[in-house]
Amino acid sequence: MAIEYLIWELPLLLERIRRLERRLERRQLRDAQDPFALPREEFINCFRLTPEVAMYVIDVIRAHLWSERTTGLQPEILIAIQFYTQGSFQRSVGNIFQFNVSQPTTSRCIHAVTDAINLRLLRRWIKFPMTEV
């Protein structure tokens, strides 16, 4: 009886190990990348912001975001900024070489950063016309 159980459990355990290994690989790739180390023109092409403006945005909205990882806020904000600039699908934004995160993680980043931008930057930087139609 125990052997049948182990035979049935083995593929599940192997799949769980494979997922954990892949998660570790993604984290190592993500931690090894620093988007601010890119040449200035490449950074602007990627995020449509200068590195200085990107750091300003990060500093302004950092207080309104929370991350489980201490190094997680900067990449989360840059993931959202890249999504805004490209208007692309979440999967392709998360899988670029700088971030290498899953689609659900990309979605959470975009949602959290959008809320923070709405709280901190919307009224300061975005002005809608006040004329009557």
Protein backbone atom coordinates (compact mmCIF):
# COMPACT_ATOMS: atom_id res chain seq x y z
CA MET A 1 0.00 0.00 0.00
CA ALA A 2 2.77 2.42 0.90
CA ILE A 3 4.58 1.69 -2.35
CA GLU A 4 1.52 2.55 -4.42
CA TYR A 5 1.19 5.80 -2.50
CA LEU A 6 4.84 6.67 -3.09
CA ILE A 7 4.55 5.83 -6.78
CA TRP A 8 1.56 8.16 -7.03
CA GLU A 9 3.25 10.92 -4.93
CA LEU A 10 6.61 10.85 -6.74
CA PRO A 11 5.53 12.77 -9.88
CA LEU A 12 3.85 15.39 -7.68
CA LEU A 13 6.98 15.83 -5.59
CA LEU A 14 9.16 16.06 -8.69
CA GLU A 15 6.88 18.73 -10.12
CA ARG A 16 7.01 20.68 -6.86
CA ILE A 17 10.83 20.50 -6.87
CA ARG A 18 10.93 21.68 -10.50
CA ARG A 19 8.73 24.69 -9.65
CA LEU A 20 10.88 25.62 -6.65
CA GLU A 21 14.04 25.37 -8.76
CA ARG A 22 12.51 27.58 -11.44
CA ARG A 23 11.41 30.13 -8.83
CA LEU A 24 14.96 30.21 -7.45
CA GLU A 25 16.42 30.66 -10.95
CA ARG A 26 14.04 33.55 -11.65
CA ARG A 27 14.92 35.23 -8.36
CA GLN A 28 18.66 34.88 -9.06
CA LEU A 29 18.25 36.31 -12.57
CA ARG A 30 16.09 39.15 -11.29
CA ASP A 31 18.51 40.03 -8.49
CA ALA A 32 21.49 40.02 -10.85
CA GLN A 33 19.94 42.66 -13.10
CA ASP A 34 20.07 46.39 -12.39
CA PRO A 35 18.02 48.43 -14.88
CA PHE A 36 19.82 51.58 -13.74
CA ALA A 37 23.09 50.08 -14.98
CA LEU A 38 21.75 50.23 -18.55
CA PRO A 39 23.12 52.96 -20.82
CA ARG A 40 21.00 56.11 -20.56
CA GLU A 41 19.53 55.82 -24.09
CA GLU A 42 18.60 52.18 -23.58
CA PHE A 43 16.97 53.01 -20.23
CA ILE A 44 14.94 55.78 -21.91
CA ASN A 45 13.94 53.44 -24.76
CA CYS A 46 12.84 50.82 -22.26
CA PHE A 47 10.96 53.02 -19.75
CA ARG A 48 10.36 56.31 -21.65
CA LEU A 49 11.78 58.14 -18.62
CA THR A 50 15.25 59.27 -17.73
CA PRO A 51 16.86 57.38 -14.85
CA GLU A 52 16.55 60.51 -12.70
CA VAL A 53 12.81 60.85 -13.31
CA ALA A 54 12.32 57.13 -12.69
CA MET A 55 14.15 57.43 -9.35
CA TYR A 56 11.99 60.45 -8.47
CA VAL A 57 8.81 58.46 -9.15
CA ILE A 58 10.16 55.53 -7.15
CA ASP A 59 11.02 57.79 -4.21
CA VAL A 60 7.64 59.53 -4.24
CA ILE A 61 5.47 56.41 -4.30
CA ARG A 62 7.73 54.08 -2.28
CA ALA A 63 5.99 55.00 1.00
CA HIS A 64 2.64 53.78 -0.37
CA LEU A 65 3.87 50.38 -1.46
CA TRP A 66 4.74 47.30 0.50
CA SER A 67 6.91 44.40 -0.58
CA GLU A 68 7.80 41.11 1.06
CA ARG A 69 11.35 41.54 -0.17
CA THR A 70 13.54 44.48 0.77
CA THR A 71 14.78 44.88 -2.80
CA GLY A 72 11.37 44.36 -4.35
CA LEU A 73 9.92 47.86 -4.63
CA GLN A 74 12.17 49.29 -7.31
CA PRO A 75 11.62 46.42 -9.78
CA GLU A 76 7.87 46.42 -9.06
CA ILE A 77 7.62 50.11 -9.91
CA LEU A 78 9.74 49.72 -13.05
CA ILE A 79 7.61 46.77 -14.19
CA ALA A 80 4.50 48.95 -13.95
CA ILE A 81 6.20 51.89 -15.69
CA GLN A 82 7.27 49.65 -18.52
CA PHE A 83 3.74 48.30 -18.85
CA TYR A 84 2.38 51.87 -19.05
CA THR A 85 4.92 52.91 -21.67
CA GLN A 86 4.54 49.87 -23.90
CA GLY A 87 0.84 49.21 -23.50
CA SER A 88 1.85 45.59 -23.82
CA PHE A 89 0.57 42.36 -22.40
CA GLN A 90 1.53 41.63 -18.81
CA ARG A 91 3.27 38.38 -19.71
CA SER A 92 5.70 40.05 -22.13
CA VAL A 93 6.46 42.88 -19.70
CA GLY A 94 7.24 40.47 -16.87
CA ASN A 95 9.43 38.23 -19.00
CA ILE A 96 11.85 40.83 -20.28
CA PHE A 97 15.45 40.31 -19.29
CA GLN A 98 15.51 42.86 -16.48
CA PHE A 99 12.66 41.47 -14.41
CA ASN A 100 11.87 37.87 -15.27
CA VAL A 101 8.68 37.65 -13.21
CA SER A 102 5.46 35.76 -13.80
CA GLN A 103 2.26 37.24 -15.23
CA PRO A 104 0.42 37.18 -11.86
CA THR A 105 3.34 39.02 -10.24
CA THR A 106 3.30 41.55 -13.07
CA SER A 107 -0.42 42.06 -12.56
CA ARG A 108 0.03 42.64 -8.81
CA CYS A 109 2.83 45.14 -9.47
CA ILE A 110 0.75 47.09 -11.97
CA HIS A 111 -2.24 47.21 -9.64
CA ALA A 112 -0.25 48.31 -6.57
CA VAL A 113 1.81 50.92 -8.43
CA THR A 114 -1.26 52.33 -10.17
CA ASP A 115 -2.96 52.81 -6.81
CA ALA A 116 0.15 54.51 -5.41
CA ILE A 117 0.46 56.80 -8.43
CA ASN A 118 -3.20 57.74 -8.11
CA LEU A 119 -2.63 58.65 -4.46
CA ARG A 120 0.67 60.54 -4.81
CA LEU A 121 1.15 61.79 -8.37
CA LEU A 122 -2.21 62.08 -10.09
CA ARG A 123 -3.28 65.48 -8.78
CA ARG A 124 0.23 66.89 -8.82
CA TRP A 125 1.23 65.97 -12.38
CA ILE A 126 -1.93 65.21 -14.36
CA LYS A 127 -4.27 68.10 -15.09
CA PHE A 128 -7.50 67.65 -16.99
CA PRO A 129 -9.12 70.60 -18.80
CA MET A 130 -11.75 72.42 -16.76
CA THR A 131 -13.69 73.95 -19.66
CA GLU A 132 -17.38 73.42 -20.20
CA VAL A 133 -18.53 71.49 -23.21
